[in-house]
Amino acid sequence: MSELLGLRDRKKAATRIALSEAAARLARERGIDAVTADMIAAEAGVSVRTFHNYFSCKEEAVLHHLEASVYEWAEWLRERPETEPILDSLECVVIRAVTDPAHDIEEMQALAELIDASPTLLAKKLEMHVRITPVLADVIAERTGTDGATDLYPNLLHMVVGAACKASLDLWASGRTSAANPEEVVRQAFDQLRHGLVLPVR
């Protein structure tokens, strides 16, 4: 019975991912306003009814991979050695994310630009942000002996690292950096965080 339930869960997860990828792909190609649930279902090879079993709207489907990534990052952070300094652990998590062959950096940046340009996607993203913000902050709190619900430190560190990651990828995507790859920019960002964002000497 447990094996059967495990298979069902994997099939459900695969269907959810297929729908989300189809939604993101269509939104990048045509713009979110031109995409419908029917189109997403057809692209993923399932029925519209199946689509609505997994997502309430097309925006939710497009954003699903972002939410899934947060939970994945939380698991990666939990896997790091407990004695490792928290900034080192977070750097390893971010490096793992930007070098993961399963996630194309250019596609991620294209989707980020799509979200920023769409009021409906931005609104849904804000709703999602409120819901999932505690996920990483709570893991950071576990690692640092703080309280994610009441202490500033884990929440501040979570936000700072998120901003560092976004700034690094935005700079890399712009082509205005001499860094050889996104990993190098991320490492530079964490070095600056460790030094308290001291003004660089030129």
Protein backbone atom coordinates (compact mmCIF):
# COMPACT_ATOMS: atom_id res chain seq x y z
CA MET A 1 0.00 0.00 0.00
CA SER A 2 2.78 2.44 0.91
CA GLU A 3 4.51 1.75 -2.42
CA LEU A 4 1.25 2.43 -4.26
CA LEU A 5 0.75 5.70 -2.41
CA GLY A 6 4.35 6.66 -3.14
CA LEU A 7 3.82 6.01 -6.85
CA ARG A 8 0.63 8.10 -6.84
CA ASP A 9 2.40 10.96 -5.08
CA ARG A 10 5.22 10.87 -7.63
CA LYS A 11 2.73 10.89 -10.51
CA LYS A 12 0.90 13.84 -8.97
CA ALA A 13 4.15 15.72 -8.48
CA ALA A 14 5.18 14.99 -12.07
CA THR A 15 1.82 16.24 -13.39
CA ARG A 16 2.07 19.41 -11.32
CA ILE A 17 5.58 20.06 -12.63
CA ALA A 18 4.53 19.39 -16.23
CA LEU A 19 1.64 21.84 -15.94
CA SER A 20 3.82 24.48 -14.32
CA GLU A 21 6.52 24.14 -16.96
CA ALA A 22 3.92 24.32 -19.73
CA ALA A 23 2.38 27.44 -18.18
CA ALA A 24 5.76 29.15 -17.81
CA ARG A 25 6.81 28.21 -21.34
CA LEU A 26 3.61 29.53 -22.90
CA ALA A 27 3.70 32.69 -20.80
CA ARG A 28 7.26 33.44 -21.94
CA GLU A 29 6.37 32.80 -25.57
CA ARG A 30 3.00 34.58 -25.77
CA GLY A 31 2.63 36.72 -22.66
CA ILE A 32 0.52 35.73 -19.67
CA ASP A 33 -2.61 37.58 -20.91
CA ALA A 34 -2.73 35.43 -24.04
CA VAL A 35 -2.45 32.14 -22.17
CA THR A 36 -5.49 30.12 -21.06
CA ALA A 37 -6.01 27.06 -18.87
CA ASP A 38 -7.05 25.15 -22.01
CA MET A 39 -3.75 25.99 -23.70
CA ILE A 40 -1.70 24.96 -20.66
CA ALA A 41 -3.56 21.65 -20.34
CA ALA A 42 -3.09 20.90 -24.04
CA GLU A 43 0.61 21.77 -23.85
CA ALA A 44 1.04 19.39 -20.90
CA GLY A 45 -1.06 16.66 -22.53
CA VAL A 46 -3.80 16.56 -19.88
CA SER A 47 -7.42 17.66 -19.60
CA VAL A 48 -8.54 21.11 -18.43
CA ARG A 49 -10.23 19.38 -15.51
CA THR A 50 -6.86 17.96 -14.49
CA PHE A 51 -5.35 21.45 -14.68
CA HIS A 52 -7.98 22.78 -12.27
CA ASN A 53 -7.36 19.85 -9.93
CA TYR A 54 -3.85 21.22 -9.42
CA PHE A 55 -4.10 24.98 -9.89
CA SER A 56 -6.79 27.57 -9.32
CA CYS A 57 -5.51 29.83 -12.11
CA LYS A 58 -2.81 30.19 -14.76
CA GLU A 59 -0.80 32.62 -12.61
CA GLU A 60 -0.54 30.05 -9.84
CA ALA A 61 0.73 27.49 -12.34
CA VAL A 62 3.40 29.85 -13.70
CA LEU A 63 4.63 30.63 -10.18
CA HIS A 64 4.61 27.06 -8.87
CA HIS A 65 8.28 26.41 -9.66
CA LEU A 66 9.29 29.40 -7.51
CA GLU A 67 7.41 28.02 -4.53
CA ALA A 68 8.81 24.54 -5.11
CA SER A 69 12.32 25.99 -5.29
CA VAL A 70 11.98 27.56 -1.85
CA TYR A 71 11.11 24.21 -0.29
CA GLU A 72 13.98 22.60 -2.20
CA TRP A 73 16.42 25.23 -0.93
CA ALA A 74 15.17 24.63 2.63
CA GLU A 75 15.93 20.93 2.29
CA TRP A 76 19.39 21.66 0.90
CA LEU A 77 20.07 23.95 3.85
CA ARG A 78 19.01 21.23 6.29
CA GLU A 79 21.48 18.88 4.61
CA ARG A 80 24.45 21.16 5.34
CA PRO A 81 26.68 20.30 8.36
CA GLU A 82 25.28 21.77 11.57
CA THR A 83 28.71 23.13 12.54
CA GLU A 84 29.15 25.01 9.25
CA PRO A 85 28.81 28.82 9.55
CA ILE A 86 25.36 29.82 8.38
CA LEU A 87 26.63 32.16 5.64
CA ASP A 88 28.81 29.36 4.27
CA SER A 89 25.80 27.04 4.24
CA LEU A 90 23.62 29.59 2.49
CA GLU A 91 26.34 30.29 -0.07
CA CYS A 92 26.56 26.57 -0.85
CA VAL A 93 22.79 26.43 -1.29
CA VAL A 94 22.73 29.39 -3.69
CA ILE A 95 25.73 28.07 -5.66
CA ARG A 96 24.00 24.71 -5.93
CA ALA A 97 20.89 26.43 -7.26
CA VAL A 98 22.63 28.53 -9.90
CA THR A 99 24.77 25.63 -11.13
CA ASP A 100 22.00 23.01 -11.12
CA PRO A 101 21.73 21.70 -14.71
CA ALA A 102 18.02 21.10 -14.13
CA HIS A 103 17.44 24.87 -13.89
CA ASP A 104 18.47 27.03 -16.84
CA ILE A 105 19.62 30.46 -15.64
CA GLU A 106 18.47 32.24 -18.79
CA GLU A 107 14.99 30.72 -18.53
CA MET A 108 14.83 31.69 -14.86
CA GLN A 109 15.75 35.28 -15.70
CA ALA A 110 13.24 35.42 -18.57
CA LEU A 111 10.51 34.24 -16.23
CA ALA A 112 11.54 36.78 -13.59
CA GLU A 113 11.25 39.56 -16.17
CA LEU A 114 7.85 38.23 -17.23
CA ILE A 115 6.62 38.29 -13.63
CA ASP A 116 7.91 41.83 -13.06
CA ALA A 117 6.09 43.01 -16.18
CA SER A 118 2.72 41.47 -15.28
CA PRO A 119 0.49 43.05 -12.59
CA THR A 120 -1.48 39.80 -12.16
CA LEU A 121 1.65 37.68 -11.76
CA LEU A 122 3.17 40.22 -9.37
CA ALA A 123 0.04 40.20 -7.23
CA LYS A 124 0.07 36.40 -7.05
CA LYS A 125 3.79 36.44 -6.33
CA LEU A 126 3.23 38.75 -3.36
CA GLU A 127 0.56 36.38 -2.01
CA MET A 128 2.96 33.47 -2.41
CA HIS A 129 5.80 35.44 -0.82
CA VAL A 130 3.78 36.04 2.34
CA ARG A 131 2.94 32.33 2.52
CA ILE A 132 6.42 30.90 1.98
CA THR A 133 8.70 33.54 3.54
CA PRO A 134 8.79 31.68 6.89
CA VAL A 135 10.03 28.47 5.25
CA LEU A 136 13.70 29.45 4.82
CA ALA A 137 13.68 31.82 7.79
CA ASP A 138 12.61 28.96 10.05
CA VAL A 139 15.42 26.71 8.81
CA ILE A 140 17.92 29.51 9.36
CA ALA A 141 16.45 29.92 12.85
CA GLU A 142 16.91 26.21 13.54
CA ARG A 143 20.56 26.45 12.51
CA THR A 144 21.30 29.61 14.50
CA GLY A 145 19.37 28.93 17.70
CA THR A 146 17.00 31.82 17.07
CA ASP A 147 13.23 32.11 16.69
CA GLY A 148 11.89 32.69 13.20
CA ALA A 149 8.62 34.06 14.59
CA THR A 150 10.07 36.71 16.90
CA ASP A 151 13.77 37.28 16.15
CA LEU A 152 15.01 39.73 13.53
CA TYR A 153 18.21 37.84 12.66
CA PRO A 154 16.84 34.81 10.74
CA ASN A 155 14.31 36.97 8.88
CA LEU A 156 16.89 39.63 8.05
CA LEU A 157 19.46 37.08 6.91
CA HIS A 158 16.87 35.36 4.72
CA MET A 159 15.95 38.65 3.03
CA VAL A 160 19.57 39.80 2.64
CA VAL A 161 20.64 36.54 1.02
CA GLY A 162 17.60 36.62 -1.28
CA ALA A 163 18.49 40.16 -2.35
CA ALA A 164 22.14 39.19 -2.89
CA CYS A 165 21.07 36.30 -5.08
CA LYS A 166 18.74 38.49 -7.16
CA ALA A 167 21.35 41.25 -7.54
CA SER A 168 23.95 38.71 -8.64
CA LEU A 169 21.74 37.08 -11.26
CA ASP A 170 20.44 40.44 -12.55
CA LEU A 171 24.01 41.71 -12.99
CA TRP A 172 25.07 38.49 -14.71
CA ALA A 173 22.07 38.60 -17.06
CA SER A 174 22.81 42.22 -17.97
CA GLY A 175 26.29 41.31 -19.24
CA ARG A 176 27.79 44.22 -17.28
CA THR A 177 30.13 42.10 -15.18
CA SER A 178 33.55 40.65 -15.88
CA ALA A 179 32.66 37.47 -13.96
CA ALA A 180 33.05 34.28 -15.96
CA ASN A 181 29.79 32.74 -14.74
CA PRO A 182 26.88 33.27 -12.29
CA GLU A 183 28.68 31.28 -9.59
CA GLU A 184 31.52 33.79 -9.55
CA VAL A 185 29.13 36.72 -9.09
CA VAL A 186 27.34 34.91 -6.25
CA ARG A 187 30.66 34.23 -4.50
CA GLN A 188 31.54 37.92 -4.82
CA ALA A 189 28.20 38.83 -3.27
CA PHE A 190 28.73 36.55 -0.28
CA ASP A 191 32.28 37.87 0.20
CA GLN A 192 30.85 41.37 0.42
CA LEU A 193 28.18 40.25 2.88
CA ARG A 194 30.83 38.69 5.11
CA HIS A 195 32.74 41.98 5.15
CA GLY A 196 29.65 43.97 6.09
CA LEU A 197 29.24 45.57 2.67
CA VAL A 198 32.31 47.75 3.11
CA LEU A 199 32.66 50.22 0.24
CA PRO A 200 35.05 48.65 -2.32
CA VAL A 201 38.34 50.43 -2.92
CA ARG A 202 38.89 51.33 -6.57
